[in-house]
Full PDB file with SEQRES, HELIX, SHEET, SSBOND, CRYST1, ORIGX, SCALE, CONECT and MASTER records, all heavy atoms in Angstrom:
SEQRES   1 A   41  GLU VAL SER PHE ALA LEU PRO ALA ALA ALA ILE ALA LEU          
SEQRES   2 A   41  VAL GLN THR GLU ILE SER LEU GLY SER ASP PRO LYS GLN          
SEQRES   3 A   41  VAL ASP ILE LEU VAL GLU ALA THR ALA VAL ASP GLY LEU          
SEQRES   4 A   41  HIS ALA                                                      
SHEET    1 AA1 2 LEU A  20  GLY A  21  0                                        
SHEET    2 AA1 2 ILE A  29  LEU A  30  1                                        
CRYST1    1.000    1.000    1.000  90.00  90.00  90.00 P 1           1          
ORIGX1      1.000000  0.000000  0.000000        0.00000                         
ORIGX2      0.000000  1.000000  0.000000        0.00000                         
ORIGX3      0.000000  0.000000  1.000000        0.00000                         
SCALE1      1.000000  0.000000  0.000000        0.00000                         
SCALE2      0.000000  1.000000  0.000000        0.00000                         
SCALE3      0.000000  0.000000  1.000000        0.00000                         
ATOM      1  N   GLU A   1       0.829  -1.213   0.056  1.00  0.00           N  
ATOM      2  CA  GLU A   1       0.006   0.027  -0.027  1.00  0.00           C  
ATOM      3  C   GLU A   1       0.854   1.245   0.039  1.00  0.00           C  
ATOM      4  O   GLU A   1       0.437   2.288  -0.524  1.00  0.00           O  
ATOM      5  CB  GLU A   1      -0.885   0.015   1.212  1.00  0.00           C  
ATOM      6  CG  GLU A   1      -2.017  -0.997   1.162  1.00  0.00           C  
ATOM      7  CD  GLU A   1      -2.987  -0.805   0.033  1.00  0.00           C  
ATOM      8  OE1 GLU A   1      -3.335   0.416  -0.342  1.00  0.00           O  
ATOM      9  OE2 GLU A   1      -3.569  -1.655  -0.609  1.00  0.00           O  
ATOM     10  N   VAL A   2       2.051   1.218   0.584  1.00  0.00           N  
ATOM     11  CA  VAL A   2       2.771   2.384   0.681  1.00  0.00           C  
ATOM     12  C   VAL A   2       3.939   2.379  -0.414  1.00  0.00           C  
ATOM     13  O   VAL A   2       4.912   3.144  -0.339  1.00  0.00           O  
ATOM     14  CB  VAL A   2       3.494   2.533   2.002  1.00  0.00           C  
ATOM     15  CG1 VAL A   2       2.349   2.831   3.063  1.00  0.00           C  
ATOM     16  CG2 VAL A   2       4.222   1.315   2.474  1.00  0.00           C  
ATOM     17  N   SER A   3       3.735   1.673  -1.546  1.00  0.00           N  
ATOM     18  CA  SER A   3       4.587   1.629  -2.598  1.00  0.00           C  
ATOM     19  C   SER A   3       6.051   1.187  -2.414  1.00  0.00           C  
ATOM     20  O   SER A   3       6.937   1.571  -3.108  1.00  0.00           O  
ATOM     21  CB  SER A   3       4.660   3.025  -3.286  1.00  0.00           C  
ATOM     22  OG  SER A   3       3.398   3.420  -3.798  1.00  0.00           O  
ATOM     23  N   PHE A   4       6.137   0.146  -1.471  1.00  0.00           N  
ATOM     24  CA  PHE A   4       7.471  -0.507  -1.302  1.00  0.00           C  
ATOM     25  C   PHE A   4       7.395  -1.870  -1.987  1.00  0.00           C  
ATOM     26  O   PHE A   4       6.307  -2.448  -1.960  1.00  0.00           O  
ATOM     27  CB  PHE A   4       7.850  -0.652   0.182  1.00  0.00           C  
ATOM     28  CG  PHE A   4       8.131   0.596   0.938  1.00  0.00           C  
ATOM     29  CD1 PHE A   4       7.193   1.096   1.845  1.00  0.00           C  
ATOM     30  CD2 PHE A   4       9.163   1.384   0.590  1.00  0.00           C  
ATOM     31  CE1 PHE A   4       7.434   2.269   2.462  1.00  0.00           C  
ATOM     32  CE2 PHE A   4       9.426   2.560   1.241  1.00  0.00           C  
ATOM     33  CZ  PHE A   4       8.570   2.942   2.210  1.00  0.00           C  
ATOM     34  N   ALA A   5       8.395  -2.262  -2.693  1.00  0.00           N  
ATOM     35  CA  ALA A   5       8.332  -3.553  -3.321  1.00  0.00           C  
ATOM     36  C   ALA A   5       8.299  -4.645  -2.335  1.00  0.00           C  
ATOM     37  O   ALA A   5       8.981  -4.574  -1.321  1.00  0.00           O  
ATOM     38  CB  ALA A   5       9.628  -3.639  -4.224  1.00  0.00           C  
ATOM     39  N   LEU A   6       7.464  -5.623  -2.679  1.00  0.00           N  
ATOM     40  CA  LEU A   6       7.416  -6.814  -1.676  1.00  0.00           C  
ATOM     41  C   LEU A   6       8.491  -7.799  -2.145  1.00  0.00           C  
ATOM     42  O   LEU A   6       8.802  -7.888  -3.376  1.00  0.00           O  
ATOM     43  CB  LEU A   6       5.968  -7.438  -1.830  1.00  0.00           C  
ATOM     44  CG  LEU A   6       4.932  -6.528  -1.336  1.00  0.00           C  
ATOM     45  CD1 LEU A   6       3.569  -7.222  -1.592  1.00  0.00           C  
ATOM     46  CD2 LEU A   6       5.081  -6.152   0.179  1.00  0.00           C  
ATOM     47  N   PRO A   7       9.047  -8.662  -1.262  1.00  0.00           N  
ATOM     48  CA  PRO A   7      10.143  -9.595  -1.692  1.00  0.00           C  
ATOM     49  C   PRO A   7       9.593 -10.570  -2.610  1.00  0.00           C  
ATOM     50  O   PRO A   7       8.448 -11.069  -2.544  1.00  0.00           O  
ATOM     51  CB  PRO A   7      10.464 -10.253  -0.278  1.00  0.00           C  
ATOM     52  CG  PRO A   7       9.459  -9.694   0.718  1.00  0.00           C  
ATOM     53  CD  PRO A   7       8.621  -8.578   0.206  1.00  0.00           C  
ATOM     54  N   ALA A   8      10.440 -10.955  -3.547  1.00  0.00           N  
ATOM     55  CA  ALA A   8      10.112 -12.047  -4.590  1.00  0.00           C  
ATOM     56  C   ALA A   8       8.760 -11.681  -5.181  1.00  0.00           C  
ATOM     57  O   ALA A   8       8.069 -12.605  -5.584  1.00  0.00           O  
ATOM     58  CB  ALA A   8      10.181 -13.324  -3.977  1.00  0.00           C  
ATOM     59  N   ALA A   9       8.591 -10.503  -5.674  1.00  0.00           N  
ATOM     60  CA  ALA A   9       7.318 -10.091  -6.243  1.00  0.00           C  
ATOM     61  C   ALA A   9       7.474  -9.564  -7.592  1.00  0.00           C  
ATOM     62  O   ALA A   9       6.451  -8.851  -8.159  1.00  0.00           O  
ATOM     63  CB  ALA A   9       6.568  -9.075  -5.356  1.00  0.00           C  
ATOM     64  N   ALA A  10       8.546  -9.738  -8.272  1.00  0.00           N  
ATOM     65  CA  ALA A  10       8.814  -9.192  -9.625  1.00  0.00           C  
ATOM     66  C   ALA A  10       8.225 -10.217 -10.683  1.00  0.00           C  
ATOM     67  O   ALA A  10       8.614 -11.449 -10.628  1.00  0.00           O  
ATOM     68  CB  ALA A  10      10.245  -8.861  -9.914  1.00  0.00           C  
ATOM     69  N   ILE A  11       7.526  -9.752 -11.669  1.00  0.00           N  
ATOM     70  CA  ILE A  11       7.039 -10.591 -12.700  1.00  0.00           C  
ATOM     71  C   ILE A  11       7.650 -10.072 -14.043  1.00  0.00           C  
ATOM     72  O   ILE A  11       7.481  -8.964 -14.409  1.00  0.00           O  
ATOM     73  CB  ILE A  11       5.513 -10.480 -12.945  1.00  0.00           C  
ATOM     74  CG1 ILE A  11       4.848 -10.886 -11.618  1.00  0.00           C  
ATOM     75  CG2 ILE A  11       4.968 -11.175 -14.140  1.00  0.00           C  
ATOM     76  CD1 ILE A  11       3.380 -10.518 -11.587  1.00  0.00           C  
ATOM     77  N   ALA A  12       8.615 -10.980 -14.588  1.00  0.00           N  
ATOM     78  CA  ALA A  12       9.246 -10.638 -15.842  1.00  0.00           C  
ATOM     79  C   ALA A  12       8.314 -10.647 -17.099  1.00  0.00           C  
ATOM     80  O   ALA A  12       7.606 -11.535 -17.234  1.00  0.00           O  
ATOM     81  CB  ALA A  12      10.528 -11.566 -16.018  1.00  0.00           C  
ATOM     82  N   LEU A  13       8.360  -9.580 -17.780  1.00  0.00           N  
ATOM     83  CA  LEU A  13       7.553  -9.491 -19.052  1.00  0.00           C  
ATOM     84  C   LEU A  13       8.382  -9.841 -20.226  1.00  0.00           C  
ATOM     85  O   LEU A  13       8.914  -8.911 -20.798  1.00  0.00           O  
ATOM     86  CB  LEU A  13       6.962  -8.167 -19.141  1.00  0.00           C  
ATOM     87  CG  LEU A  13       6.125  -7.624 -17.957  1.00  0.00           C  
ATOM     88  CD1 LEU A  13       5.594  -6.173 -18.040  1.00  0.00           C  
ATOM     89  CD2 LEU A  13       4.981  -8.521 -17.642  1.00  0.00           C  
ATOM     90  N   VAL A  14       8.475 -11.184 -20.508  1.00  0.00           N  
ATOM     91  CA  VAL A  14       9.424 -11.603 -21.501  1.00  0.00           C  
ATOM     92  C   VAL A  14       8.629 -11.931 -22.781  1.00  0.00           C  
ATOM     93  O   VAL A  14       9.293 -11.882 -23.828  1.00  0.00           O  
ATOM     94  CB  VAL A  14      10.241 -12.734 -21.138  1.00  0.00           C  
ATOM     95  CG1 VAL A  14      11.245 -12.433 -20.058  1.00  0.00           C  
ATOM     96  CG2 VAL A  14       9.373 -13.943 -20.584  1.00  0.00           C  
ATOM     97  N   GLN A  15       7.412 -12.242 -22.783  1.00  0.00           N  
ATOM     98  CA  GLN A  15       6.615 -12.424 -23.979  1.00  0.00           C  
ATOM     99  C   GLN A  15       6.144 -11.328 -24.566  1.00  0.00           C  
ATOM    100  O   GLN A  15       5.978 -10.209 -23.982  1.00  0.00           O  
ATOM    101  CB  GLN A  15       5.520 -13.397 -23.556  1.00  0.00           C  
ATOM    102  CG  GLN A  15       5.873 -14.814 -22.962  1.00  0.00           C  
ATOM    103  CD  GLN A  15       4.796 -15.453 -22.313  1.00  0.00           C  
ATOM    104  OE1 GLN A  15       4.839 -15.598 -21.030  1.00  0.00           O  
ATOM    105  NE2 GLN A  15       3.840 -16.002 -22.946  1.00  0.00           N  
ATOM    106  N   THR A  16       5.665 -11.329 -25.881  1.00  0.00           N  
ATOM    107  CA  THR A  16       5.066 -10.130 -26.463  1.00  0.00           C  
ATOM    108  C   THR A  16       3.513  -9.903 -26.079  1.00  0.00           C  
ATOM    109  O   THR A  16       3.073  -8.884 -26.070  1.00  0.00           O  
ATOM    110  CB  THR A  16       5.154 -10.282 -27.978  1.00  0.00           C  
ATOM    111  OG1 THR A  16       4.507 -11.435 -28.489  1.00  0.00           O  
ATOM    112  CG2 THR A  16       6.537 -10.151 -28.521  1.00  0.00           C  
ATOM    113  N   GLU A  17       2.914 -11.074 -25.582  1.00  0.00           N  
ATOM    114  CA  GLU A  17       1.576 -10.903 -25.002  1.00  0.00           C  
ATOM    115  C   GLU A  17       1.494 -11.652 -23.859  1.00  0.00           C  
ATOM    116  O   GLU A  17       1.915 -12.858 -23.703  1.00  0.00           O  
ATOM    117  CB  GLU A  17       0.561 -11.419 -26.010  1.00  0.00           C  
ATOM    118  CG  GLU A  17      -0.885 -11.291 -25.483  1.00  0.00           C  
ATOM    119  CD  GLU A  17      -1.878 -11.749 -26.479  1.00  0.00           C  
ATOM    120  OE1 GLU A  17      -2.110 -10.990 -27.433  1.00  0.00           O  
ATOM    121  OE2 GLU A  17      -2.512 -12.846 -26.320  1.00  0.00           O  
ATOM    122  N   ILE A  18       1.008 -11.000 -22.732  1.00  0.00           N  
ATOM    123  CA  ILE A  18       1.021 -11.688 -21.411  1.00  0.00           C  
ATOM    124  C   ILE A  18      -0.379 -11.534 -20.752  1.00  0.00           C  
ATOM    125  O   ILE A  18      -0.808 -10.229 -20.669  1.00  0.00           O  
ATOM    126  CB  ILE A  18       2.089 -11.076 -20.443  1.00  0.00           C  
ATOM    127  CG1 ILE A  18       3.369 -11.439 -21.067  1.00  0.00           C  
ATOM    128  CG2 ILE A  18       2.029 -11.666 -19.014  1.00  0.00           C  
ATOM    129  CD1 ILE A  18       4.502 -10.398 -20.611  1.00  0.00           C  
ATOM    130  N   SER A  19      -1.056 -12.476 -20.391  1.00  0.00           N  
ATOM    131  CA  SER A  19      -2.444 -12.406 -19.775  1.00  0.00           C  
ATOM    132  C   SER A  19      -2.245 -12.498 -18.253  1.00  0.00           C  
ATOM    133  O   SER A  19      -1.388 -13.299 -17.749  1.00  0.00           O  
ATOM    134  CB  SER A  19      -3.359 -13.493 -20.303  1.00  0.00           C  
ATOM    135  OG  SER A  19      -2.827 -14.748 -20.182  1.00  0.00           O  
ATOM    136  N   LEU A  20      -2.978 -11.768 -17.508  1.00  0.00           N  
ATOM    137  CA  LEU A  20      -2.958 -11.775 -16.057  1.00  0.00           C  
ATOM    138  C   LEU A  20      -4.355 -11.992 -15.529  1.00  0.00           C  
ATOM    139  O   LEU A  20      -5.423 -11.525 -16.003  1.00  0.00           O  
ATOM    140  CB  LEU A  20      -2.521 -10.460 -15.527  1.00  0.00           C  
ATOM    141  CG  LEU A  20      -1.047  -9.920 -16.062  1.00  0.00           C  
ATOM    142  CD1 LEU A  20      -1.354  -8.768 -16.949  1.00  0.00           C  
ATOM    143  CD2 LEU A  20      -0.309  -9.632 -15.017  1.00  0.00           C  
ATOM    144  N   GLY A  21      -4.472 -12.934 -14.461  1.00  0.00           N  
ATOM    145  CA  GLY A  21      -5.702 -13.141 -13.815  1.00  0.00           C  
ATOM    146  C   GLY A  21      -5.605 -14.147 -12.687  1.00  0.00           C  
ATOM    147  O   GLY A  21      -4.393 -14.558 -12.474  1.00  0.00           O  
ATOM    148  N   SER A  22      -6.715 -14.703 -12.364  1.00  0.00           N  
ATOM    149  CA  SER A  22      -6.676 -15.675 -11.100  1.00  0.00           C  
ATOM    150  C   SER A  22      -6.971 -17.130 -11.600  1.00  0.00           C  
ATOM    151  O   SER A  22      -6.933 -17.864 -10.705  1.00  0.00           O  
ATOM    152  CB  SER A  22      -7.753 -15.149 -10.114  1.00  0.00           C  
ATOM    153  OG  SER A  22      -9.029 -15.185 -10.693  1.00  0.00           O  
ATOM    154  N   ASP A  23      -7.247 -17.373 -12.882  1.00  0.00           N  
ATOM    155  CA  ASP A  23      -7.503 -18.729 -13.292  1.00  0.00           C  
ATOM    156  C   ASP A  23      -6.253 -19.193 -14.059  1.00  0.00           C  
ATOM    157  O   ASP A  23      -5.972 -18.813 -15.055  1.00  0.00           O  
ATOM    158  CB  ASP A  23      -8.681 -18.718 -14.259  1.00  0.00           C  
ATOM    159  CG  ASP A  23      -9.071 -20.125 -14.722  1.00  0.00           C  
ATOM    160  OD1 ASP A  23      -8.204 -21.088 -14.556  1.00  0.00           O  
ATOM    161  OD2 ASP A  23     -10.040 -20.270 -15.257  1.00  0.00           O  
ATOM    162  N   PRO A  24      -5.507 -20.127 -13.442  1.00  0.00           N  
ATOM    163  CA  PRO A  24      -4.227 -20.653 -13.924  1.00  0.00           C  
ATOM    164  C   PRO A  24      -4.491 -21.230 -15.346  1.00  0.00           C  
ATOM    165  O   PRO A  24      -3.507 -21.366 -16.139  1.00  0.00           O  
ATOM    166  CB  PRO A  24      -3.796 -21.585 -12.996  1.00  0.00           C  
ATOM    167  CG  PRO A  24      -4.874 -22.041 -12.174  1.00  0.00           C  
ATOM    168  CD  PRO A  24      -5.811 -20.863 -12.192  1.00  0.00           C  
ATOM    169  N   LYS A  25      -5.744 -21.670 -15.739  1.00  0.00           N  
ATOM    170  CA  LYS A  25      -5.901 -22.365 -16.984  1.00  0.00           C  
ATOM    171  C   LYS A  25      -6.049 -21.232 -18.096  1.00  0.00           C  
ATOM    172  O   LYS A  25      -6.026 -21.638 -19.324  1.00  0.00           O  
ATOM    173  CB  LYS A  25      -7.136 -23.123 -16.979  1.00  0.00           C  
ATOM    174  CG  LYS A  25      -7.013 -24.372 -16.033  1.00  0.00           C  
ATOM    175  CD  LYS A  25      -8.222 -25.248 -15.954  1.00  0.00           C  
ATOM    176  CE  LYS A  25      -8.108 -26.319 -14.963  1.00  0.00           C  
ATOM    177  NZ  LYS A  25      -9.374 -27.169 -14.857  1.00  0.00           N  
ATOM    178  N   GLN A  26      -6.273 -20.011 -17.782  1.00  0.00           N  
ATOM    179  CA  GLN A  26      -6.532 -18.921 -18.672  1.00  0.00           C  
ATOM    180  C   GLN A  26      -5.437 -17.895 -18.898  1.00  0.00           C  
ATOM    181  O   GLN A  26      -5.458 -17.108 -19.871  1.00  0.00           O  
ATOM    182  CB  GLN A  26      -7.855 -18.172 -18.438  1.00  0.00           C  
ATOM    183  CG  GLN A  26      -9.110 -19.017 -18.423  1.00  0.00           C  
ATOM    184  CD  GLN A  26     -10.265 -18.057 -18.106  1.00  0.00           C  
ATOM    185  OE1 GLN A  26     -10.533 -17.143 -18.910  1.00  0.00           O  
ATOM    186  NE2 GLN A  26     -11.024 -18.336 -17.095  1.00  0.00           N  
ATOM    187  N   VAL A  27      -4.459 -17.868 -17.965  1.00  0.00           N  
ATOM    188  CA  VAL A  27      -3.534 -16.801 -17.897  1.00  0.00           C  
ATOM    189  C   VAL A  27      -2.085 -17.334 -18.002  1.00  0.00           C  
ATOM    190  O   VAL A  27      -1.739 -18.403 -17.548  1.00  0.00           O  
ATOM    191  CB  VAL A  27      -3.757 -15.869 -16.719  1.00  0.00           C  
ATOM    192  CG1 VAL A  27      -5.172 -15.293 -16.820  1.00  0.00           C  
ATOM    193  CG2 VAL A  27      -3.602 -16.625 -15.439  1.00  0.00           C  
ATOM    194  N   ASP A  28      -1.242 -16.349 -18.283  1.00  0.00           N  
ATOM    195  CA  ASP A  28       0.197 -16.656 -18.210  1.00  0.00           C  
ATOM    196  C   ASP A  28       0.774 -16.329 -16.827  1.00  0.00           C  
ATOM    197  O   ASP A  28       1.650 -16.883 -16.374  1.00  0.00           O  
ATOM    198  CB  ASP A  28       0.968 -15.749 -19.215  1.00  0.00           C  
ATOM    199  CG  ASP A  28       0.516 -15.917 -20.645  1.00  0.00           C  
ATOM    200  OD1 ASP A  28       0.516 -17.189 -21.122  1.00  0.00           O  
ATOM    201  OD2 ASP A  28       0.135 -15.035 -21.420  1.00  0.00           O  
ATOM    202  N   ILE A  29       0.242 -15.203 -16.257  1.00  0.00           N  
ATOM    203  CA  ILE A  29       0.715 -14.711 -14.960  1.00  0.00           C  
ATOM    204  C   ILE A  29      -0.498 -14.842 -13.966  1.00  0.00           C  
ATOM    205  O   ILE A  29      -1.594 -14.202 -14.179  1.00  0.00           O  
ATOM    206  CB  ILE A  29       1.181 -13.279 -14.953  1.00  0.00           C  
ATOM    207  CG1 ILE A  29       2.297 -13.124 -15.934  1.00  0.00           C  
ATOM    208  CG2 ILE A  29       1.593 -12.889 -13.609  1.00  0.00           C  
ATOM    209  CD1 ILE A  29       3.594 -13.888 -15.665  1.00  0.00           C  
ATOM    210  N   LEU A  30      -0.334 -15.623 -12.963  1.00  0.00           N  
ATOM    211  CA  LEU A  30      -1.401 -15.972 -11.902  1.00  0.00           C  
ATOM    212  C   LEU A  30      -1.317 -14.813 -10.899  1.00  0.00           C  
ATOM    213  O   LEU A  30      -0.276 -14.578 -10.279  1.00  0.00           O  
ATOM    214  CB  LEU A  30      -1.272 -17.247 -11.263  1.00  0.00           C  
ATOM    215  CG  LEU A  30      -2.244 -17.769 -10.360  1.00  0.00           C  
ATOM    216  CD1 LEU A  30      -3.683 -17.942 -11.054  1.00  0.00           C  
ATOM    217  CD2 LEU A  30      -1.759 -19.028  -9.713  1.00  0.00           C  
ATOM    218  N   VAL A  31      -2.575 -14.123 -10.682  1.00  0.00           N  
ATOM    219  CA  VAL A  31      -2.583 -13.160  -9.637  1.00  0.00           C  
ATOM    220  C   VAL A  31      -3.708 -13.656  -8.728  1.00  0.00           C  
ATOM    221  O   VAL A  31      -4.877 -13.487  -9.045  1.00  0.00           O  
ATOM    222  CB  VAL A  31      -2.916 -11.732 -10.130  1.00  0.00           C  
ATOM    223  CG1 VAL A  31      -2.980 -10.701  -9.036  1.00  0.00           C  
ATOM    224  CG2 VAL A  31      -1.873 -11.275 -11.194  1.00  0.00           C  
ATOM    225  N   GLU A  32      -3.339 -14.281  -7.648  1.00  0.00           N  
ATOM    226  CA  GLU A  32      -4.270 -14.809  -6.696  1.00  0.00           C  
ATOM    227  C   GLU A  32      -4.918 -13.789  -5.813  1.00  0.00           C  
ATOM    228  O   GLU A  32      -4.219 -13.389  -4.723  1.00  0.00           O  
ATOM    229  CB  GLU A  32      -3.643 -16.017  -5.996  1.00  0.00           C  
ATOM    230  CG  GLU A  32      -3.275 -17.188  -6.760  1.00  0.00           C  
ATOM    231  CD  GLU A  32      -2.569 -18.293  -6.059  1.00  0.00           C  
ATOM    232  OE1 GLU A  32      -1.536 -18.167  -5.736  1.00  0.00           O  
ATOM    233  OE2 GLU A  32      -3.404 -19.295  -5.938  1.00  0.00           O  
ATOM    234  N   ALA A  33      -6.033 -13.332  -6.081  1.00  0.00           N  
ATOM    235  CA  ALA A  33      -6.734 -12.332  -5.291  1.00  0.00           C  
ATOM    236  C   ALA A  33      -8.173 -12.367  -5.564  1.00  0.00           C  
ATOM    237  O   ALA A  33      -8.616 -12.638  -6.807  1.00  0.00           O  
ATOM    238  CB  ALA A  33      -6.245 -10.920  -5.496  1.00  0.00           C  
ATOM    239  N   THR A  34      -9.169 -12.200  -4.671  1.00  0.00           N  
ATOM    240  CA  THR A  34     -10.462 -12.314  -4.914  1.00  0.00           C  
ATOM    241  C   THR A  34     -11.068 -11.277  -5.799  1.00  0.00           C  
ATOM    242  O   THR A  34     -12.038 -11.603  -6.465  1.00  0.00           O  
ATOM    243  CB  THR A  34     -11.210 -12.297  -3.466  1.00  0.00           C  
ATOM    244  OG1 THR A  34     -10.970 -11.030  -2.918  1.00  0.00           O  
ATOM    245  CG2 THR A  34     -10.959 -13.413  -2.632  1.00  0.00           C  
ATOM    246  N   ALA A  35     -10.458 -10.106  -5.919  1.00  0.00           N  
ATOM    247  CA  ALA A  35     -11.040  -8.988  -6.821  1.00  0.00           C  
ATOM    248  C   ALA A  35     -10.340  -9.093  -8.191  1.00  0.00           C  
ATOM    249  O   ALA A  35     -10.714  -8.311  -8.973  1.00  0.00           O  
ATOM    250  CB  ALA A  35     -10.613  -7.719  -6.160  1.00  0.00           C  
ATOM    251  N   VAL A  36      -9.642 -10.206  -8.425  1.00  0.00           N  
ATOM    252  CA  VAL A  36      -9.088 -10.373  -9.841  1.00  0.00           C  
ATOM    253  C   VAL A  36      -9.919 -11.409 -10.564  1.00  0.00           C  
ATOM    254  O   VAL A  36     -10.008 -12.560 -10.020  1.00  0.00           O  
ATOM    255  CB  VAL A  36      -7.626 -10.672  -9.685  1.00  0.00           C  
ATOM    256  CG1 VAL A  36      -6.937 -10.989 -11.157  1.00  0.00           C  
ATOM    257  CG2 VAL A  36      -6.864  -9.543  -8.949  1.00  0.00           C  
ATOM    258  N   ASP A  37     -10.245 -11.105 -11.780  1.00  0.00           N  
ATOM    259  CA  ASP A  37     -11.061 -12.019 -12.487  1.00  0.00           C  
ATOM    260  C   ASP A  37     -10.108 -13.107 -13.006  1.00  0.00           C  
ATOM    261  O   ASP A  37      -8.877 -12.975 -13.055  1.00  0.00           O  
ATOM    262  CB  ASP A  37     -11.690 -11.365 -13.749  1.00  0.00           C  
ATOM    263  CG  ASP A  37     -12.909 -10.531 -13.339  1.00  0.00           C  
ATOM    264  OD1 ASP A  37     -13.262 -10.367 -12.043  1.00  0.00           O  
ATOM    265  OD2 ASP A  37     -13.673 -10.025 -14.170  1.00  0.00           O  
ATOM    266  N   GLY A  38     -10.701 -14.172 -13.459  1.00  0.00           N  
ATOM    267  CA  GLY A  38     -10.016 -15.354 -14.102  1.00  0.00           C  
ATOM    268  C   GLY A  38      -9.099 -15.023 -15.174  1.00  0.00           C  
ATOM    269  O   GLY A  38      -7.867 -15.156 -15.147  1.00  0.00           O  
ATOM    270  N   LEU A  39      -9.669 -14.128 -16.159  1.00  0.00           N  
ATOM    271  CA  LEU A  39      -8.802 -13.435 -17.200  1.00  0.00           C  
ATOM    272  C   LEU A  39      -9.106 -11.970 -17.069  1.00  0.00           C  
ATOM    273  O   LEU A  39     -10.153 -11.538 -17.387  1.00  0.00           O  
ATOM    274  CB  LEU A  39      -9.147 -13.900 -18.538  1.00  0.00           C  
ATOM    275  CG  LEU A  39      -8.466 -13.239 -19.763  1.00  0.00           C  
ATOM    276  CD1 LEU A  39      -6.999 -13.441 -19.694  1.00  0.00           C  
ATOM    277  CD2 LEU A  39      -9.026 -13.845 -21.017  1.00  0.00           C  
ATOM    278  N   HIS A  40      -8.205 -11.339 -16.511  1.00  0.00           N  
ATOM    279  CA  HIS A  40      -8.489  -9.928 -15.910  1.00  0.00           C  
ATOM    280  C   HIS A  40      -7.853  -8.830 -16.844  1.00  0.00           C  
ATOM    281  O   HIS A  40      -8.549  -7.912 -17.298  1.00  0.00           O  
ATOM    282  CB  HIS A  40      -7.808  -9.664 -14.593  1.00  0.00           C  
ATOM    283  CG  HIS A  40      -8.252  -8.454 -13.915  1.00  0.00           C  
ATOM    284  ND1 HIS A  40      -9.247  -8.548 -12.989  1.00  0.00           N  
ATOM    285  CD2 HIS A  40      -7.928  -7.189 -14.118  1.00  0.00           C  
ATOM    286  CE1 HIS A  40      -9.424  -7.187 -12.467  1.00  0.00           C  
ATOM    287  NE2 HIS A  40      -8.666  -6.473 -13.149  1.00  0.00           N  
ATOM    288  N   ALA A  41      -6.652  -9.011 -17.342  1.00  0.00           N  
ATOM    289  CA  ALA A  41      -5.975  -8.045 -18.194  1.00  0.00           C  
ATOM    290  C   ALA A  41      -5.004  -8.661 -19.110  1.00  0.00           C  
ATOM    291  O   ALA A  41      -4.548  -9.732 -18.929  1.00  0.00           O  
ATOM    292  CB  ALA A  41      -5.363  -6.959 -17.375  1.00  0.00           C  
TER     293      ALA A  41                                                      
MASTER        0    0    0    0    2    0    0    6  292    1    0    4          
END                                                                             
């Protein structure tokens, strides 16, 4: 919340297209949080 990096929290953006969301079957990067849709962004 106060804009400090959390440990081990970097996500490398190496692909030309990266999907983010909470459903591991639909996304490249898993963001496990209740307010994040299966395929969010």
